[in-house]
Protein backbone atom coordinates (compact mmCIF):
# COMPACT_ATOMS: atom_id res chain seq x y z
CA MET A 1 -5.73 -12.48 -38.97
CA SER A 2 -3.96 -10.73 -36.12
CA THR A 3 -5.72 -10.53 -32.76
CA PRO A 4 -5.86 -7.22 -30.85
CA ALA A 5 -3.49 -8.70 -28.24
CA LYS A 6 -0.89 -9.62 -30.86
CA SER A 7 -1.18 -6.22 -32.49
CA LEU A 8 -0.67 -4.55 -29.12
CA ARG A 9 2.35 -6.75 -28.38
CA ARG A 10 3.89 -5.70 -31.71
CA ALA A 11 3.35 -2.04 -30.82
CA ILE A 12 4.47 -2.36 -27.15
CA SER A 13 6.47 -5.52 -26.64
CA ARG A 14 6.30 -7.27 -23.29
CA THR A 15 10.10 -7.23 -23.11
CA ALA A 16 10.23 -3.43 -23.42
CA LEU A 17 9.59 -3.04 -19.69
CA ALA A 18 12.98 -4.60 -18.96
CA ASP A 19 14.73 -1.94 -21.02
CA TRP A 20 14.16 0.77 -18.39
CA LYS A 21 17.12 2.91 -17.48
CA PRO A 22 17.30 6.28 -15.73
CA SER A 23 16.78 9.17 -18.09
CA HIS A 24 19.46 11.83 -18.49
CA ASP A 25 17.19 14.39 -16.83
CA ARG A 26 16.05 12.11 -14.01
CA PRO A 27 15.11 14.19 -10.94
CA ASP A 28 17.57 14.10 -8.05
CA PRO A 29 16.08 11.52 -5.64
CA VAL A 30 17.07 13.42 -2.49
CA GLU A 31 15.49 16.60 -3.83
CA VAL A 32 12.28 14.73 -4.68
CA LEU A 33 12.03 13.63 -1.05
CA ARG A 34 12.78 17.12 0.26
CA GLN A 35 10.04 18.62 -1.87
CA GLN A 36 7.60 16.00 -0.60
CA GLU A 37 8.54 16.75 3.01
CA ALA A 38 8.00 20.49 2.70
CA ALA A 39 4.34 20.18 3.73
CA ARG A 40 4.95 17.68 6.53
CA ILE A 41 5.23 18.26 10.26
CA PRO A 42 8.88 19.37 10.68
CA GLU A 43 9.38 17.62 14.02
CA LEU A 44 8.51 14.25 12.45
CA VAL A 45 10.69 14.48 9.32
CA PRO A 46 13.77 13.16 11.21
CA VAL A 47 11.71 10.09 12.19
CA ARG A 48 10.94 9.47 8.53
CA HIS A 49 14.62 9.85 7.65
CA ALA A 50 15.64 7.38 10.36
CA ARG A 51 13.22 4.76 9.05
CA MET A 52 14.40 5.23 5.48
CA LEU A 53 18.07 5.11 6.53
CA ALA A 54 17.53 1.72 8.17
CA SER A 55 17.96 -0.25 4.93
CA PRO A 56 17.56 -0.05 1.13
CA PHE A 57 14.09 -1.61 1.49
CA GLY A 58 13.16 0.94 4.18
CA PHE A 59 14.27 3.63 1.73
CA PHE A 60 12.26 2.02 -1.08
CA ARG A 61 9.12 2.03 1.08
CA GLY A 62 9.43 5.78 1.57
CA ALA A 63 10.44 6.52 -2.02
CA ALA A 64 7.15 6.09 -3.88
CA ALA A 65 7.51 9.62 -5.25
CA ILE A 66 10.91 8.78 -6.71
CA MET A 67 9.67 5.64 -8.43
CA ALA A 68 6.58 7.46 -9.72
CA ALA A 69 8.87 9.74 -11.73
CA ASP A 70 10.72 6.69 -13.07
CA LEU A 71 7.54 4.82 -13.96
CA ALA A 72 6.41 7.80 -16.01
CA THR A 73 9.24 7.01 -18.45
CA VAL A 74 8.24 3.36 -18.97
CA PRO A 75 6.40 2.39 -22.19
CA ILE A 76 2.79 1.41 -21.42
CA THR A 77 -0.03 -0.34 -23.23
CA GLY A 78 -2.63 2.30 -22.37
CA MET A 79 -4.85 -0.14 -20.45
CA ARG A 80 -5.89 1.46 -17.18
CA VAL A 81 -6.97 0.15 -13.80
CA GLN A 82 -7.42 1.61 -10.34
CA LEU A 83 -3.85 1.65 -9.04
CA CYS A 84 -2.78 1.04 -5.48
CA GLY A 85 0.07 3.42 -6.32
CA ASP A 86 2.45 1.88 -3.77
CA ALA A 87 2.17 -1.87 -4.30
CA HIS A 88 5.18 -3.14 -2.35
CA LEU A 89 5.25 -6.33 -0.27
CA VAL A 90 4.47 -4.69 3.07
CA ASN A 91 1.33 -3.01 1.70
CA PHE A 92 -0.54 -6.31 1.57
CA GLY A 93 -2.06 -8.10 4.54
CA GLY A 94 -5.05 -9.63 6.22
CA TYR A 95 -7.92 -7.75 7.80
CA GLY A 96 -11.47 -8.27 8.98
CA THR A 97 -14.46 -7.82 6.70
CA PRO A 98 -17.74 -6.34 8.02
CA GLU A 99 -18.92 -9.96 8.28
CA ARG A 100 -15.92 -10.66 10.59
CA ASN A 101 -14.08 -12.90 8.15
CA LEU A 102 -10.35 -12.63 7.56
CA ILE A 103 -9.23 -11.99 3.98
CA PHE A 104 -5.92 -11.10 2.33
CA ASP A 105 -5.69 -8.06 0.08
CA VAL A 106 -3.95 -4.82 -0.80
CA ASN A 107 -4.18 -2.66 2.33
CA ASP A 108 -2.61 0.74 1.60
CA PHE A 109 -4.20 3.29 -0.72
CA ASP A 110 -2.60 6.65 0.08
CA GLU A 111 -1.37 6.92 -3.53
CA THR A 112 -4.33 5.29 -5.30
CA LEU A 113 -5.32 6.73 -8.68
CA PRO A 114 -6.52 5.39 -12.06
CA GLY A 115 -3.52 4.64 -14.23
CA PRO A 116 -1.46 2.05 -16.17
CA TRP A 117 -1.68 -1.46 -14.71
CA GLU A 118 2.04 -1.85 -15.38
CA TRP A 119 3.01 0.65 -12.66
CA ASP A 120 1.69 -1.40 -9.73
CA VAL A 121 3.17 -4.59 -11.15
CA LEU A 122 6.60 -3.02 -11.63
CA ARG A 123 6.68 -1.67 -8.08
CA LEU A 124 5.66 -5.05 -6.66
CA ALA A 125 8.36 -6.85 -8.67
CA ALA A 126 11.02 -4.38 -7.56
CA SER A 127 9.95 -4.70 -3.93
CA ILE A 128 10.38 -8.49 -4.05
CA GLU A 129 13.93 -8.07 -5.32
CA ILE A 130 14.88 -5.40 -2.78
CA ALA A 131 13.18 -7.03 0.21
CA GLY A 132 14.65 -10.39 -0.74
CA GLN A 133 18.16 -8.93 -0.76
CA GLU A 134 17.58 -7.38 2.67
CA HIS A 135 16.47 -10.70 4.15
CA GLY A 136 19.29 -12.77 2.69
CA VAL A 137 17.37 -14.54 -0.07
CA ARG A 138 19.73 -15.83 -2.77
CA ARG A 139 19.49 -14.27 -6.21
CA ASP A 140 18.08 -17.38 -7.87
CA ARG A 141 15.42 -17.68 -5.16
CA ARG A 142 14.56 -13.98 -5.49
CA ASP A 143 14.06 -14.70 -9.18
CA ASP A 144 11.76 -17.57 -8.21
CA ALA A 145 9.71 -15.23 -6.01
CA ILE A 146 9.35 -12.60 -8.73
CA PHE A 147 8.58 -15.25 -11.35
CA GLY A 148 5.95 -16.83 -9.11
CA ALA A 149 4.25 -13.55 -8.24
CA MET A 150 4.17 -12.37 -11.85
CA ARG A 151 3.02 -15.76 -13.14
CA LYS A 152 0.18 -15.68 -10.62
CA TYR A 153 -0.75 -12.16 -11.75
CA ARG A 154 -0.77 -13.24 -15.41
CA THR A 155 -2.62 -16.56 -15.05
CA ASP A 156 -5.19 -15.15 -12.65
CA MET A 157 -5.86 -12.23 -14.98
CA ARG A 158 -6.50 -14.69 -17.80
CA ARG A 159 -8.80 -16.66 -15.47
CA TYR A 160 -10.73 -13.48 -14.57
CA ALA A 161 -11.20 -12.87 -18.29
CA LEU A 162 -13.43 -15.96 -18.37
CA MET A 163 -15.55 -14.82 -15.42
CA SER A 164 -18.57 -12.56 -15.28
CA PRO A 165 -18.11 -9.13 -13.66
CA LEU A 166 -20.01 -10.37 -10.60
CA GLU A 167 -17.76 -13.42 -10.26
CA VAL A 168 -14.69 -11.18 -10.39
CA TRP A 169 -16.24 -8.83 -7.85
CA TYR A 170 -16.95 -11.62 -5.37
CA SER A 171 -13.52 -13.30 -5.64
CA ARG A 172 -11.03 -13.01 -2.78
CA VAL A 173 -7.73 -14.38 -1.46
CA ASP A 174 -8.13 -16.59 1.61
CA VAL A 175 -5.98 -15.40 4.54
CA ALA A 176 -5.83 -18.98 5.88
CA SER A 177 -3.25 -19.83 3.23
CA ILE A 178 -1.02 -17.02 4.52
CA ALA A 179 -1.24 -18.28 8.09
CA ALA A 180 -0.48 -21.83 6.99
CA LEU A 181 2.62 -20.94 5.03
CA ALA A 182 3.95 -18.75 7.83
CA ASP A 183 3.46 -21.46 10.45
CA ALA A 184 5.14 -24.05 8.25
CA HIS A 185 8.16 -22.06 7.07
CA MET A 186 9.20 -19.60 9.77
CA LYS A 187 12.95 -19.19 10.25
CA ASP A 188 12.50 -19.57 14.01
CA PRO A 189 9.59 -21.86 14.97
CA SER A 190 9.42 -20.19 18.39
CA GLU A 191 8.44 -16.89 16.83
CA ASP A 192 5.14 -16.02 15.19
CA ALA A 193 5.44 -14.58 11.68
CA LEU A 194 1.94 -13.16 11.92
CA HIS A 195 0.99 -10.28 14.17
CA LEU A 196 -2.70 -10.23 15.07
CA VAL A 197 -3.91 -7.05 16.76
CA ASN A 198 -7.22 -6.78 18.58
CA ASN A 199 -8.71 -3.29 18.92
CA LYS A 200 -10.00 -3.92 22.47
CA THR A 201 -7.77 -1.68 24.57
CA GLY A 202 -8.90 -2.76 28.02
CA SER A 203 -8.55 0.77 29.36
CA LEU A 204 -9.88 4.26 28.85
CA ARG A 205 -6.56 5.55 27.55
CA LEU A 206 -4.55 4.79 24.45
CA ASP A 207 -1.33 3.03 25.40
CA GLU A 208 0.53 1.89 22.30
CA ASN A 209 4.14 2.82 21.47
CA PRO A 210 4.26 5.60 24.07
CA HIS A 211 7.49 7.01 22.63
CA LEU A 212 5.63 7.75 19.40
CA ILE A 213 2.33 8.87 20.81
CA GLU A 214 1.24 12.22 22.26
CA HIS A 215 -1.99 12.59 24.21
CA PHE A 216 -4.19 15.65 23.84
CA ASP A 217 -5.98 17.21 26.79
CA ASP A 218 -9.70 17.88 26.34
CA ALA A 219 -9.00 21.62 26.09
CA ASP A 220 -6.17 21.20 23.59
CA ASP A 221 -6.94 23.02 20.34
CA ARG A 222 -6.01 19.94 18.32
CA ALA A 223 -8.47 17.82 20.30
CA VAL A 224 -11.23 20.32 19.61
CA ARG A 225 -10.37 20.21 15.93
CA LEU A 226 -10.38 16.43 15.84
CA ARG A 227 -13.87 16.35 17.27
CA GLU A 228 -14.93 18.66 14.45
CA VAL A 229 -13.24 16.31 11.98
CA MET A 230 -15.27 13.45 13.44
CA ARG A 231 -18.51 15.39 13.06
CA ARG A 232 -17.80 16.09 9.40
CA TYR A 233 -16.61 12.52 8.83
CA ARG A 234 -20.01 11.21 9.88
CA GLU A 235 -21.54 12.97 6.89
CA SER A 236 -19.49 10.77 4.53
CA LEU A 237 -20.78 7.51 6.03
CA PRO A 238 -23.75 5.51 4.74
CA ALA A 239 -26.88 6.20 6.78
CA HIS A 240 -26.84 2.86 8.58
CA VAL A 241 -23.18 3.27 9.63
CA GLY A 242 -23.95 6.80 10.81
CA VAL A 243 -26.54 5.37 13.20
CA LEU A 244 -23.87 2.98 14.53
CA ILE A 245 -21.16 5.63 14.98
CA ASP A 246 -23.62 7.80 16.90
CA ARG A 247 -23.58 5.19 19.67
CA TYR A 248 -19.95 6.02 20.44
CA HIS A 249 -18.35 9.08 22.03
CA ALA A 250 -14.68 10.08 21.99
CA VAL A 251 -12.80 9.74 25.30
CA ASP A 252 -9.17 10.01 24.23
CA MET A 253 -7.18 11.05 21.18
CA ALA A 254 -3.54 11.22 20.26
CA MET A 255 -1.11 11.90 17.45
CA LYS A 256 0.75 8.79 16.29
CA VAL A 257 3.59 8.16 13.87
CA VAL A 258 2.86 5.40 11.36
CA GLY A 259 4.59 3.62 8.49
CA VAL A 260 7.53 4.99 6.53
CA GLY A 261 6.21 6.94 3.57
CA SER A 262 3.44 8.51 5.67
CA VAL A 263 5.65 9.77 8.48
CA GLY A 264 5.23 13.51 8.89
CA THR A 265 1.64 13.64 7.72
CA ARG A 266 -1.04 14.39 10.29
CA CYS A 267 -2.19 11.10 11.72
CA TYR A 268 -4.26 10.61 14.85
CA VAL A 269 -5.92 7.81 16.75
CA MET A 270 -9.19 8.30 18.58
CA LEU A 271 -10.60 6.05 21.28
CA CYS A 272 -14.40 5.98 21.30
CA LEU A 273 -16.59 4.15 23.79
CA ALA A 274 -20.18 2.99 23.73
CA GLU A 275 -22.34 3.12 26.86
CA ASP A 276 -21.07 -0.26 28.04
CA ASP A 277 -17.44 0.88 27.58
CA GLU A 278 -17.09 -1.22 24.43
CA PRO A 279 -14.13 0.41 22.61
CA LEU A 280 -13.85 1.52 19.01
CA VAL A 281 -10.43 2.82 17.94
CA LEU A 282 -10.37 4.96 14.80
CA GLN A 283 -7.43 6.21 12.78
CA VAL A 284 -7.72 9.71 11.33
CA LYS A 285 -5.06 9.98 8.62
CA GLU A 286 -4.16 12.91 6.41
CA ALA A 287 -4.50 12.37 2.67
CA ASP A 288 -2.25 14.42 0.39
CA ALA A 289 -2.26 14.39 -3.39
CA SER A 290 -1.11 11.05 -4.79
CA VAL A 291 2.52 11.00 -5.92
CA LEU A 292 1.16 9.72 -9.25
CA GLU A 293 -0.86 12.86 -9.94
CA ALA A 294 2.19 14.70 -11.29
CA TYR A 295 2.31 12.18 -14.16
CA LEU A 296 -1.33 11.14 -14.62
CA THR A 297 -4.67 12.87 -14.77
CA PRO A 298 -5.23 14.42 -11.32
CA SER A 299 -8.00 13.01 -9.21
CA ALA A 300 -11.47 14.22 -10.12
CA MET A 301 -12.38 14.21 -6.43
CA PRO A 302 -11.86 17.51 -4.61
CA ASN A 303 -11.07 15.73 -1.33
CA HIS A 304 -8.03 13.43 -1.26
CA GLY A 305 -9.58 11.50 1.61
CA GLU A 306 -12.47 10.66 -0.69
CA ARG A 307 -9.95 9.67 -3.38
CA VAL A 308 -8.35 7.18 -0.98
CA VAL A 309 -11.69 5.77 0.17
CA ALA A 310 -13.03 5.41 -3.38
CA GLY A 311 -9.86 3.64 -4.53
CA GLN A 312 -9.88 1.32 -1.54
CA ARG A 313 -13.51 0.35 -2.03
CA LEU A 314 -12.90 -0.30 -5.71
CA MET A 315 -9.79 -2.46 -5.25
CA GLN A 316 -10.53 -4.43 -2.08
CA ALA A 317 -12.76 -7.48 -1.94
CA ALA A 318 -14.35 -5.96 1.18
CA SER A 319 -13.58 -2.74 3.01
CA ASP A 320 -13.75 -1.39 6.54
CA LEU A 321 -17.28 -0.62 7.71
CA PHE A 322 -16.18 2.73 9.15
CA LEU A 323 -14.23 3.90 6.10
CA GLY A 324 -14.99 7.56 5.40
CA TRP A 325 -13.44 10.95 4.76
CA THR A 326 -13.54 14.60 5.73
CA SER A 327 -11.52 17.83 5.57
CA PHE A 328 -10.64 20.47 8.12
CA ASP A 329 -8.38 23.49 8.39
CA GLY A 330 -7.07 23.04 4.86
CA HIS A 331 -6.23 19.34 5.21
CA ASP A 332 -8.02 16.27 3.86
CA PHE A 333 -8.38 13.08 5.93
CA TYR A 334 -9.68 9.57 5.64
CA ILE A 335 -10.85 7.58 8.65
CA ARG A 336 -10.94 3.86 9.34
CA GLN A 337 -10.74 1.41 12.21
CA LEU A 338 -7.27 0.96 13.67
CA HIS A 339 -5.91 -2.60 13.64
CA ASP A 340 -9.30 -4.24 13.08
CA MET A 341 -8.42 -7.97 13.06
CA LYS A 342 -5.29 -6.90 11.19
CA VAL A 343 -2.79 -9.55 10.16
CA SER A 344 0.61 -8.48 8.85
CA VAL A 345 3.45 -10.72 7.74
CA ASN A 346 6.89 -9.98 9.16
CA LEU A 347 9.14 -10.61 6.16
CA ALA A 348 12.20 -11.03 8.36
CA MET A 349 10.56 -14.03 10.06
CA LEU A 350 9.86 -15.96 6.85
CA GLY A 351 12.06 -18.68 5.46
CA VAL A 352 12.74 -18.71 1.73
CA PRO A 353 9.84 -21.02 0.71
CA ALA A 354 7.44 -18.89 2.76
CA PHE A 355 8.86 -15.68 1.28
CA ILE A 356 8.22 -17.03 -2.22
CA SER A 357 4.70 -18.19 -1.33
CA TYR A 358 3.89 -14.82 0.20
CA ALA A 359 5.10 -13.01 -2.95
CA VAL A 360 2.83 -15.26 -5.04
CA ASP A 361 -0.16 -14.40 -2.84
CA CYS A 362 0.60 -10.70 -3.28
CA GLY A 363 0.57 -11.24 -7.05
CA ALA A 364 -2.81 -12.93 -6.71
CA ALA A 365 -4.25 -10.08 -4.62
CA LEU A 366 -2.99 -7.44 -7.05
CA SER A 367 -4.39 -9.26 -10.07
CA ARG A 368 -7.81 -9.55 -8.44
CA ALA A 369 -7.75 -5.88 -7.43
CA HIS A 370 -6.87 -4.77 -10.98
CA ALA A 371 -9.49 -7.05 -12.54
CA ARG A 372 -12.27 -5.24 -10.68
CA SER A 373 -11.66 -1.93 -12.45
CA GLY A 374 -9.76 -2.94 -15.59
CA GLU A 375 -10.41 -5.20 -18.56
CA PRO A 376 -9.10 -8.67 -17.65
CA ALA A 377 -9.56 -10.00 -21.18
CA ALA A 378 -7.46 -7.21 -22.69
CA ILE A 379 -4.71 -7.34 -20.04
CA GLY A 380 -4.68 -11.14 -19.95
CA GLY A 381 -4.60 -11.34 -23.72
CA TYR A 382 -1.62 -9.00 -23.85
CA LEU A 383 0.25 -10.98 -21.19
CA GLY A 384 -0.33 -14.18 -23.18
CA ARG A 385 0.28 -17.84 -22.36
CA SER A 386 4.08 -17.87 -22.24
CA ALA A 387 6.47 -16.77 -19.47
CA VAL A 388 7.80 -13.77 -21.41
CA PHE A 389 6.15 -11.39 -18.95
CA GLU A 390 7.62 -13.12 -15.90
CA GLU A 391 11.15 -13.13 -17.30
CA THR A 392 10.80 -9.47 -18.21
CA MET A 393 9.76 -8.58 -14.67
CA ILE A 394 12.81 -10.36 -13.26
CA ARG A 395 15.12 -8.31 -15.47
CA PHE A 396 13.35 -5.07 -14.57
CA ALA A 397 13.46 -5.86 -10.85
CA ARG A 398 17.21 -6.47 -10.98
CA THR A 399 17.77 -3.21 -12.82
CA TYR A 400 15.58 -1.18 -10.49
CA GLY A 401 17.04 -2.85 -7.43
CA LYS A 402 20.46 -1.52 -8.45
CA GLN A 403 18.98 1.95 -9.04
CA ASN A 404 17.33 1.89 -5.61
CA ALA A 405 20.70 0.96 -4.07
CA ARG A 406 22.32 3.97 -5.76
CA ASP A 407 19.50 6.25 -4.60
CA TYR A 408 19.78 4.88 -1.06
CA LYS A 409 23.52 5.53 -1.06
CA ALA A 410 22.92 9.13 -2.18
CA PHE A 411 20.29 9.54 0.52
CA VAL A 412 22.61 8.23 3.24
CA LYS A 413 25.35 10.60 2.07
CA ALA A 414 22.96 13.57 2.06
CA MET A 415 21.61 12.79 5.54
CA HIS A 416 25.11 12.49 6.99
CA ALA A 417 26.47 15.59 5.29
CA PRO A 418 27.23 18.56 7.59
CA ALA A 419 24.44 21.12 7.70
CA LYS A 420 25.11 24.22 5.64
C-alpha cells in the first residue's frame, strides 16, 4: 500500500524543482526593482543601486522581489510553513536571547509570510551557489556546500518528525559551533571572521558610520514623529517589557541606511538612556508588504510591522525582548534592539571548509525554523531517505545562478545607460 509521502512524490516529484526555467512572460527584472523603489526615499535609491551593482551576490540580496516572481512558477507540494521570505546566507547569524545566551538562527524577516516550504529552501540553495562564486569557491566545492546544507535540512526535518511539538520548539543551533569553525578555517588567521557588536555606545550621541547617518535636532519634525512612534510602539509590548521600556528616555535619534534590499525604506536608530546613563539602542524599521504577497495569500495582519514580529517570533528559537511594532503617518514599523550581542559571519573571510560548514548550519537553522510552524513528518516523509533532494537542489542552484548573472548584467546595463 502506498504511503502518503510516496503518493505525493508521484504527483510532485522531488526532481521537478530542478526543471525550473524562466517563463516566456517573465517580468523584466529591472522593471520589478523600479516598481519596488517607487515608494522608497528617492535620495537613498542610488545607495541601493550602488550596493546591488557591487557584485552578482549583492544584486541577489536586493532582488528578493525578482525571485519571488520566479518561485511562483515552481511546482510545490502544498505543504506550508512560516517563510523567512529572503533566506540567503547573509540573513542568518548569532544574537543574544533574553537570557543573554548566544544562539544561531534566521535573523531577517522583512518578507516573512506563510507559504510553501520549498521557496525558502530554493533561495538558500541559490544563495550558496552565487555567494560561493563571488568568493572563489570551486564548482565542486560549491556543490558540496549546497549538498551539505540541503542534506542537513532533510535529515533534521526527519529528526523533528520524531520529536514532540515542545521538543521542536525548544531546539536551537548553538552559536559556539559557528565561532569554532570560523576561528579554525579563516583565510587570514590575523583577521576575525566574526563581528561582535556591543550596544554600549559610551557617549550620549550616536556615532556609527557617520557618512550614512543623519542626526535629528530635538525640534526636527521627524524627531517629534519618532517619539510618537515610540509611544505607540509601547502599546504592542507585553506588560512586563512595557514597565522596562518606561525606565528609558530618548536622547538622540538618527536616520541610518541598512542592508541591501532594505535601502530606501525609512529606518532610524534611537538612543535611549536610563537614569544611570545605561544605554539602550533601538532600531525603528519600516515594514512594507512582503514581496511574496503578490503570489500568496496576503497577510491577515493589518500592520506589516506586526506581520514581521509575528513571523520572527514563530520562526526563531528566541526573539528580542524589545521586539514590537507600530504605525505612523501612513507607514508601518517594527522595532528591536540594534546589534544586541549580534554575531555575523563575513563570508569573504571564510576558507572553503568553513564556507561549507556555515552553509550546513544555515540549513540546520532553516529546518528548525520551518519545523516550528509546519508538519515535519509530512515534509520529512516527502524528502525521503535518499539524496535525491540534495542533487535536485544543486541542479536548481546552478540554473538560478546563471539566471541571476543574466539579471545582474541587465541591471548593470540599465544603471549605466544614459538618462532619457
